[in-house]
PDB file of all heavy atoms in Angstrom:
ATOM      1  N   GLY A   1      12.853  -5.313  -9.934  1.00  0.00           N
ATOM      2  CA  GLY A   1      12.247  -4.807  -8.733  1.00  0.00           C
ATOM      3  C   GLY A   1      12.123  -5.928  -7.727  1.00  0.00           C
ATOM      4  O   GLY A   1      12.439  -7.062  -7.922  1.00  0.00           O
ATOM      5  N   THR A   2      11.536  -5.532  -6.495  1.00  0.00           N
ATOM      6  CA  THR A   2      11.413  -6.491  -5.416  1.00  0.00           C
ATOM      7  C   THR A   2      10.003  -6.472  -4.856  1.00  0.00           C
ATOM      8  O   THR A   2       9.312  -5.422  -4.885  1.00  0.00           O
ATOM      9  CB  THR A   2      12.400  -6.209  -4.314  1.00  0.00           C
ATOM     10  OG1 THR A   2      12.174  -4.857  -3.776  1.00  0.00           O
ATOM     11  CG2 THR A   2      13.840  -6.369  -4.732  1.00  0.00           C
ATOM     12  N   VAL A   3       9.542  -7.589  -4.400  1.00  0.00           N
ATOM     13  CA  VAL A   3       8.279  -7.653  -3.632  1.00  0.00           C
ATOM     14  C   VAL A   3       8.590  -8.556  -2.393  1.00  0.00           C
ATOM     15  O   VAL A   3       8.939  -9.741  -2.602  1.00  0.00           O
ATOM     16  CB  VAL A   3       7.107  -8.178  -4.479  1.00  0.00           C
ATOM     17  CG1 VAL A   3       7.375  -9.533  -5.085  1.00  0.00           C
ATOM     18  CG2 VAL A   3       5.846  -8.182  -3.610  1.00  0.00           C
ATOM     19  N   VAL A   4       8.372  -8.018  -1.260  1.00  0.00           N
ATOM     20  CA  VAL A   4       8.709  -8.678  -0.008  1.00  0.00           C
ATOM     21  C   VAL A   4       7.473  -9.008   0.762  1.00  0.00           C
ATOM     22  O   VAL A   4       6.617  -8.101   0.975  1.00  0.00           O
ATOM     23  CB  VAL A   4       9.683  -7.818   0.876  1.00  0.00           C
ATOM     24  CG1 VAL A   4       9.954  -8.519   2.186  1.00  0.00           C
ATOM     25  CG2 VAL A   4      10.990  -7.592   0.123  1.00  0.00           C
ATOM     26  N   TYR A   5       7.260 -10.251   1.103  1.00  0.00           N
ATOM     27  CA  TYR A   5       6.177 -10.637   1.930  1.00  0.00           C
ATOM     28  C   TYR A   5       6.699 -10.791   3.336  1.00  0.00           C
ATOM     29  O   TYR A   5       7.509 -11.752   3.616  1.00  0.00           O
ATOM     30  CB  TYR A   5       5.488 -11.927   1.527  1.00  0.00           C
ATOM     31  CG  TYR A   5       4.597 -12.570   2.534  1.00  0.00           C
ATOM     32  CD1 TYR A   5       3.301 -11.998   2.686  1.00  0.00           C
ATOM     33  CD2 TYR A   5       4.912 -13.646   3.328  1.00  0.00           C
ATOM     34  CE1 TYR A   5       2.470 -12.571   3.684  1.00  0.00           C
ATOM     35  CE2 TYR A   5       4.039 -14.213   4.195  1.00  0.00           C
ATOM     36  CZ  TYR A   5       2.797 -13.630   4.405  1.00  0.00           C
ATOM     37  OH  TYR A   5       2.024 -14.174   5.297  1.00  0.00           O
ATOM     38  N   ARG A   6       6.294  -9.916   4.308  1.00  0.00           N
ATOM     39  CA  ARG A   6       6.918  -9.860   5.611  1.00  0.00           C
ATOM     40  C   ARG A   6       8.447  -9.782   5.453  1.00  0.00           C
ATOM     41  O   ARG A   6       8.942  -8.772   4.951  1.00  0.00           O
ATOM     42  CB  ARG A   6       6.432 -10.990   6.482  1.00  0.00           C
ATOM     43  CG  ARG A   6       4.908 -10.982   6.688  1.00  0.00           C
ATOM     44  CD  ARG A   6       4.433 -11.933   7.740  1.00  0.00           C
ATOM     45  NE  ARG A   6       2.983 -11.934   7.847  1.00  0.00           N
ATOM     46  CZ  ARG A   6       2.239 -11.084   8.575  1.00  0.00           C
ATOM     47  NH1 ARG A   6       2.757 -10.144   9.237  1.00  0.00           N
ATOM     48  NH2 ARG A   6       0.883 -11.216   8.599  1.00  0.00           N
ATOM     49  N   ASP A   7       9.190 -10.804   5.763  1.00  0.00           N
ATOM     50  CA  ASP A   7      10.685 -10.680   5.595  1.00  0.00           C
ATOM     51  C   ASP A   7      11.128 -11.653   4.507  1.00  0.00           C
ATOM     52  O   ASP A   7      12.345 -11.976   4.501  1.00  0.00           O
ATOM     53  CB  ASP A   7      11.326 -10.928   6.936  1.00  0.00           C
ATOM     54  CG  ASP A   7      11.018 -12.305   7.494  1.00  0.00           C
ATOM     55  OD1 ASP A   7      10.050 -12.949   7.080  1.00  0.00           O
ATOM     56  OD2 ASP A   7      11.733 -12.760   8.452  1.00  0.00           O
ATOM     57  N   HIS A   8      10.213 -12.030   3.636  1.00  0.00           N
ATOM     58  CA  HIS A   8      10.652 -12.994   2.553  1.00  0.00           C
ATOM     59  C   HIS A   8      10.537 -12.277   1.179  1.00  0.00           C
ATOM     60  O   HIS A   8       9.464 -11.807   0.787  1.00  0.00           O
ATOM     61  CB  HIS A   8       9.673 -14.133   2.538  1.00  0.00           C
ATOM     62  CG  HIS A   8       9.559 -14.931   3.823  1.00  0.00           C
ATOM     63  ND1 HIS A   8      10.533 -15.754   4.214  1.00  0.00           N
ATOM     64  CD2 HIS A   8       8.621 -14.867   4.830  1.00  0.00           C
ATOM     65  CE1 HIS A   8      10.200 -16.274   5.443  1.00  0.00           C
ATOM     66  NE2 HIS A   8       9.032 -15.729   5.833  1.00  0.00           N
ATOM     67  N   ASP A   9      11.666 -12.288   0.509  1.00  0.00           N
ATOM     68  CA  ASP A   9      11.784 -11.616  -0.747  1.00  0.00           C
ATOM     69  C   ASP A   9      11.250 -12.573  -1.854  1.00  0.00           C
ATOM     70  O   ASP A   9      12.021 -13.495  -2.328  1.00  0.00           O
ATOM     71  CB  ASP A   9      13.272 -11.193  -1.017  1.00  0.00           C
ATOM     72  CG  ASP A   9      13.355 -10.349  -2.342  1.00  0.00           C
ATOM     73  OD1 ASP A   9      12.322 -10.218  -3.142  1.00  0.00           O
ATOM     74  OD2 ASP A   9      14.461  -9.776  -2.604  1.00  0.00           O
ATOM     75  N   LEU A  10      10.012 -12.417  -2.248  1.00  0.00           N
ATOM     76  CA  LEU A  10       9.387 -13.340  -3.254  1.00  0.00           C
ATOM     77  C   LEU A  10      10.046 -13.231  -4.641  1.00  0.00           C
ATOM     78  O   LEU A  10       9.988 -14.200  -5.429  1.00  0.00           O
ATOM     79  CB  LEU A  10       7.902 -13.047  -3.394  1.00  0.00           C
ATOM     80  CG  LEU A  10       7.043 -13.118  -2.127  1.00  0.00           C
ATOM     81  CD1 LEU A  10       5.608 -12.781  -2.506  1.00  0.00           C
ATOM     82  CD2 LEU A  10       7.242 -14.475  -1.431  1.00  0.00           C
ATOM     83  N   SER A  11      10.716 -12.084  -4.861  1.00  0.00           N
ATOM     84  CA  SER A  11      11.269 -11.836  -6.244  1.00  0.00           C
ATOM     85  C   SER A  11      12.522 -12.742  -6.536  1.00  0.00           C
ATOM     86  O   SER A  11      12.918 -12.881  -7.655  1.00  0.00           O
ATOM     87  CB  SER A  11      11.591 -10.411  -6.449  1.00  0.00           C
ATOM     88  OG  SER A  11      12.316  -9.826  -5.334  1.00  0.00           O
ATOM     89  N   VAL A  12      13.024 -13.386  -5.452  1.00  0.00           N
ATOM     90  CA  VAL A  12      14.215 -14.311  -5.676  1.00  0.00           C
ATOM     91  C   VAL A  12      13.857 -15.724  -5.466  1.00  0.00           C
ATOM     92  O   VAL A  12      14.699 -16.608  -5.537  1.00  0.00           O
ATOM     93  CB  VAL A  12      15.387 -13.866  -4.812  1.00  0.00           C
ATOM     94  CG1 VAL A  12      15.838 -12.431  -5.150  1.00  0.00           C
ATOM     95  CG2 VAL A  12      15.066 -14.016  -3.357  1.00  0.00           C
ATOM     96  N   TYR A  13      12.561 -16.007  -5.156  1.00  0.00           N
ATOM     97  CA  TYR A  13      12.135 -17.387  -4.878  1.00  0.00           C
ATOM     98  C   TYR A  13      12.124 -18.279  -6.154  1.00  0.00           C
ATOM     99  O   TYR A  13      11.746 -17.746  -7.222  1.00  0.00           O
ATOM    100  CB  TYR A  13      10.746 -17.392  -4.253  1.00  0.00           C
ATOM    101  CG  TYR A  13      10.679 -17.294  -2.763  1.00  0.00           C
ATOM    102  CD1 TYR A  13      11.812 -16.879  -2.049  1.00  0.00           C
ATOM    103  CD2 TYR A  13       9.526 -17.595  -2.106  1.00  0.00           C
ATOM    104  CE1 TYR A  13      11.661 -16.775  -0.623  1.00  0.00           C
ATOM    105  CE2 TYR A  13       9.461 -17.538  -0.664  1.00  0.00           C
ATOM    106  CZ  TYR A  13      10.510 -17.083   0.030  1.00  0.00           C
ATOM    107  OH  TYR A  13      10.444 -16.986   1.416  1.00  0.00           O
ATOM    108  N   ASP A  14      12.501 -19.485  -6.008  1.00  0.00           N
ATOM    109  CA  ASP A  14      12.382 -20.436  -7.112  1.00  0.00           C
ATOM    110  C   ASP A  14      10.975 -21.037  -7.086  1.00  0.00           C
ATOM    111  O   ASP A  14      10.140 -20.728  -6.221  1.00  0.00           O
ATOM    112  CB  ASP A  14      13.419 -21.511  -7.111  1.00  0.00           C
ATOM    113  CG  ASP A  14      13.419 -22.330  -5.835  1.00  0.00           C
ATOM    114  OD1 ASP A  14      12.348 -22.365  -5.062  1.00  0.00           O
ATOM    115  OD2 ASP A  14      14.424 -23.021  -5.559  1.00  0.00           O
ATOM    116  N   ASP A  15      10.652 -21.897  -8.072  1.00  0.00           N
ATOM    117  CA  ASP A  15       9.311 -22.433  -8.209  1.00  0.00           C
ATOM    118  C   ASP A  15       8.914 -23.172  -6.909  1.00  0.00           C
ATOM    119  O   ASP A  15       7.709 -23.138  -6.478  1.00  0.00           O
ATOM    120  CB  ASP A  15       9.231 -23.357  -9.408  1.00  0.00           C
ATOM    121  CG  ASP A  15       9.219 -22.605 -10.684  1.00  0.00           C
ATOM    122  OD1 ASP A  15       9.003 -21.369 -10.670  1.00  0.00           O
ATOM    123  OD2 ASP A  15       9.416 -23.209 -11.765  1.00  0.00           O
ATOM    124  N   SER A  16       9.808 -23.931  -6.348  1.00  0.00           N
ATOM    125  CA  SER A  16       9.482 -24.745  -5.118  1.00  0.00           C
ATOM    126  C   SER A  16       9.091 -23.830  -3.993  1.00  0.00           C
ATOM    127  O   SER A  16       8.134 -24.065  -3.267  1.00  0.00           O
ATOM    128  CB  SER A  16      10.712 -25.627  -4.838  1.00  0.00           C
ATOM    129  OG  SER A  16      10.433 -26.348  -3.597  1.00  0.00           O
ATOM    130  N   ALA A  17       9.922 -22.749  -3.798  1.00  0.00           N
ATOM    131  CA  ALA A  17       9.656 -21.867  -2.693  1.00  0.00           C
ATOM    132  C   ALA A  17       8.339 -21.114  -2.868  1.00  0.00           C
ATOM    133  O   ALA A  17       7.623 -20.871  -1.978  1.00  0.00           O
ATOM    134  CB  ALA A  17      10.850 -20.896  -2.550  1.00  0.00           C
ATOM    135  N   LEU A  18       8.048 -20.724  -4.136  1.00  0.00           N
ATOM    136  CA  LEU A  18       6.811 -20.039  -4.455  1.00  0.00           C
ATOM    137  C   LEU A  18       5.557 -20.973  -4.214  1.00  0.00           C
ATOM    138  O   LEU A  18       4.520 -20.456  -3.675  1.00  0.00           O
ATOM    139  CB  LEU A  18       6.803 -19.534  -5.841  1.00  0.00           C
ATOM    140  CG  LEU A  18       7.659 -18.314  -6.141  1.00  0.00           C
ATOM    141  CD1 LEU A  18       7.669 -18.006  -7.633  1.00  0.00           C
ATOM    142  CD2 LEU A  18       7.240 -17.031  -5.350  1.00  0.00           C
ATOM    143  N   THR A  19       5.704 -22.248  -4.541  1.00  0.00           N
ATOM    144  CA  THR A  19       4.652 -23.205  -4.290  1.00  0.00           C
ATOM    145  C   THR A  19       4.362 -23.294  -2.827  1.00  0.00           C
ATOM    146  O   THR A  19       3.264 -23.317  -2.314  1.00  0.00           O
ATOM    147  CB  THR A  19       4.975 -24.531  -4.819  1.00  0.00           C
ATOM    148  OG1 THR A  19       5.143 -24.429  -6.196  1.00  0.00           O
ATOM    149  CG2 THR A  19       3.926 -25.581  -4.513  1.00  0.00           C
ATOM    150  N   ARG A  20       5.438 -23.356  -1.998  1.00  0.00           N
ATOM    151  CA  ARG A  20       5.314 -23.425  -0.574  1.00  0.00           C
ATOM    152  C   ARG A  20       4.644 -22.176   0.031  1.00  0.00           C
ATOM    153  O   ARG A  20       3.807 -22.238   0.896  1.00  0.00           O
ATOM    154  CB  ARG A  20       6.655 -23.744   0.098  1.00  0.00           C
ATOM    155  CG  ARG A  20       6.623 -24.029   1.564  1.00  0.00           C
ATOM    156  CD  ARG A  20       7.956 -24.563   2.066  1.00  0.00           C
ATOM    157  NE  ARG A  20       9.053 -23.669   1.843  1.00  0.00           N
ATOM    158  CZ  ARG A  20      10.049 -23.830   0.892  1.00  0.00           C
ATOM    159  NH1 ARG A  20       9.946 -24.977   0.150  1.00  0.00           N
ATOM    160  NH2 ARG A  20      11.006 -23.048   0.756  1.00  0.00           N
ATOM    161  N   TYR A  21       5.053 -21.027  -0.544  1.00  0.00           N
ATOM    162  CA  TYR A  21       4.496 -19.782  -0.073  1.00  0.00           C
ATOM    163  C   TYR A  21       3.011 -19.759  -0.359  1.00  0.00           C
ATOM    164  O   TYR A  21       2.202 -19.381   0.517  1.00  0.00           O
ATOM    165  CB  TYR A  21       5.218 -18.612  -0.794  1.00  0.00           C
ATOM    166  CG  TYR A  21       4.434 -17.297  -0.836  1.00  0.00           C
ATOM    167  CD1 TYR A  21       4.313 -16.571   0.328  1.00  0.00           C
ATOM    168  CD2 TYR A  21       3.905 -16.847  -2.024  1.00  0.00           C
ATOM    169  CE1 TYR A  21       3.628 -15.347   0.291  1.00  0.00           C
ATOM    170  CE2 TYR A  21       3.216 -15.651  -2.009  1.00  0.00           C
ATOM    171  CZ  TYR A  21       3.114 -14.926  -0.842  1.00  0.00           C
ATOM    172  OH  TYR A  21       2.374 -13.698  -0.898  1.00  0.00           O
ATOM    173  N   ARG A  22       2.607 -20.084  -1.596  1.00  0.00           N
ATOM    174  CA  ARG A  22       1.175 -20.084  -1.874  1.00  0.00           C
ATOM    175  C   ARG A  22       0.409 -21.114  -0.996  1.00  0.00           C
ATOM    176  O   ARG A  22      -0.692 -20.777  -0.579  1.00  0.00           O
ATOM    177  CB  ARG A  22       0.966 -20.537  -3.360  1.00  0.00           C
ATOM    178  CG  ARG A  22       1.493 -19.531  -4.406  1.00  0.00           C
ATOM    179  CD  ARG A  22       1.043 -19.820  -5.779  1.00  0.00           C
ATOM    180  NE  ARG A  22       1.452 -21.175  -6.232  1.00  0.00           N
ATOM    181  CZ  ARG A  22       2.495 -21.435  -6.935  1.00  0.00           C
ATOM    182  NH1 ARG A  22       3.348 -20.489  -7.210  1.00  0.00           N
ATOM    183  NH2 ARG A  22       2.785 -22.708  -7.336  1.00  0.00           N
ATOM    184  N   ARG A  23       0.919 -22.243  -0.797  1.00  0.00           N
ATOM    185  CA  ARG A  23       0.253 -23.230   0.004  1.00  0.00           C
ATOM    186  C   ARG A  23       0.063 -22.807   1.432  1.00  0.00           C
ATOM    187  O   ARG A  23      -0.992 -23.064   2.042  1.00  0.00           O
ATOM    188  CB  ARG A  23       0.994 -24.571  -0.078  1.00  0.00           C
ATOM    189  CG  ARG A  23       0.248 -25.695   0.621  1.00  0.00           C
ATOM    190  CD  ARG A  23       0.922 -27.096   0.400  1.00  0.00           C
ATOM    191  NE  ARG A  23       2.256 -27.082   0.925  1.00  0.00           N
ATOM    192  CZ  ARG A  23       3.356 -27.270   0.175  1.00  0.00           C
ATOM    193  NH1 ARG A  23       3.259 -27.373  -1.128  1.00  0.00           N
ATOM    194  NH2 ARG A  23       4.587 -27.275   0.694  1.00  0.00           N
ATOM    195  N   GLU A  24       1.058 -22.155   1.979  1.00  0.00           N
ATOM    196  CA  GLU A  24       1.043 -21.885   3.434  1.00  0.00           C
ATOM    197  C   GLU A  24       0.505 -20.498   3.773  1.00  0.00           C
ATOM    198  O   GLU A  24       0.047 -20.350   4.924  1.00  0.00           O
ATOM    199  CB  GLU A  24       2.461 -22.034   3.989  1.00  0.00           C
ATOM    200  CG  GLU A  24       3.025 -23.426   3.947  1.00  0.00           C
ATOM    201  CD  GLU A  24       4.459 -23.550   4.412  1.00  0.00           C
ATOM    202  OE1 GLU A  24       5.045 -22.509   4.822  1.00  0.00           O
ATOM    203  OE2 GLU A  24       4.960 -24.644   4.390  1.00  0.00           O
ATOM    204  N   HIS A  25       0.515 -19.526   2.878  1.00  0.00           N
ATOM    205  CA  HIS A  25       0.157 -18.214   3.299  1.00  0.00           C
ATOM    206  C   HIS A  25      -0.965 -17.504   2.599  1.00  0.00           C
ATOM    207  O   HIS A  25      -1.473 -16.539   2.989  1.00  0.00           O
ATOM    208  CB  HIS A  25       1.456 -17.339   3.142  1.00  0.00           C
ATOM    209  CG  HIS A  25       2.611 -17.787   3.935  1.00  0.00           C
ATOM    210  ND1 HIS A  25       2.649 -17.565   5.285  1.00  0.00           N
ATOM    211  CD2 HIS A  25       3.771 -18.428   3.623  1.00  0.00           C
ATOM    212  CE1 HIS A  25       3.792 -18.040   5.810  1.00  0.00           C
ATOM    213  NE2 HIS A  25       4.466 -18.593   4.777  1.00  0.00           N
ATOM    214  N   VAL A  26      -1.293 -18.015   1.368  1.00  0.00           N
ATOM    215  CA  VAL A  26      -2.234 -17.324   0.474  1.00  0.00           C
ATOM    216  C   VAL A  26      -3.421 -18.061   0.098  1.00  0.00           C
ATOM    217  O   VAL A  26      -3.402 -19.238  -0.217  1.00  0.00           O
ATOM    218  CB  VAL A  26      -1.472 -16.867  -0.862  1.00  0.00           C
ATOM    219  CG1 VAL A  26      -2.374 -16.032  -1.734  1.00  0.00           C
ATOM    220  CG2 VAL A  26      -0.169 -16.178  -0.510  1.00  0.00           C
TER     221      VAL A  26
END
């Protein structure tokens, strides 16, 4: 399945991208 934050598909993010997402948005 998919989970999209605004226009970013979190379900295909790697660890580095998820870390950046957490740091900047959550």
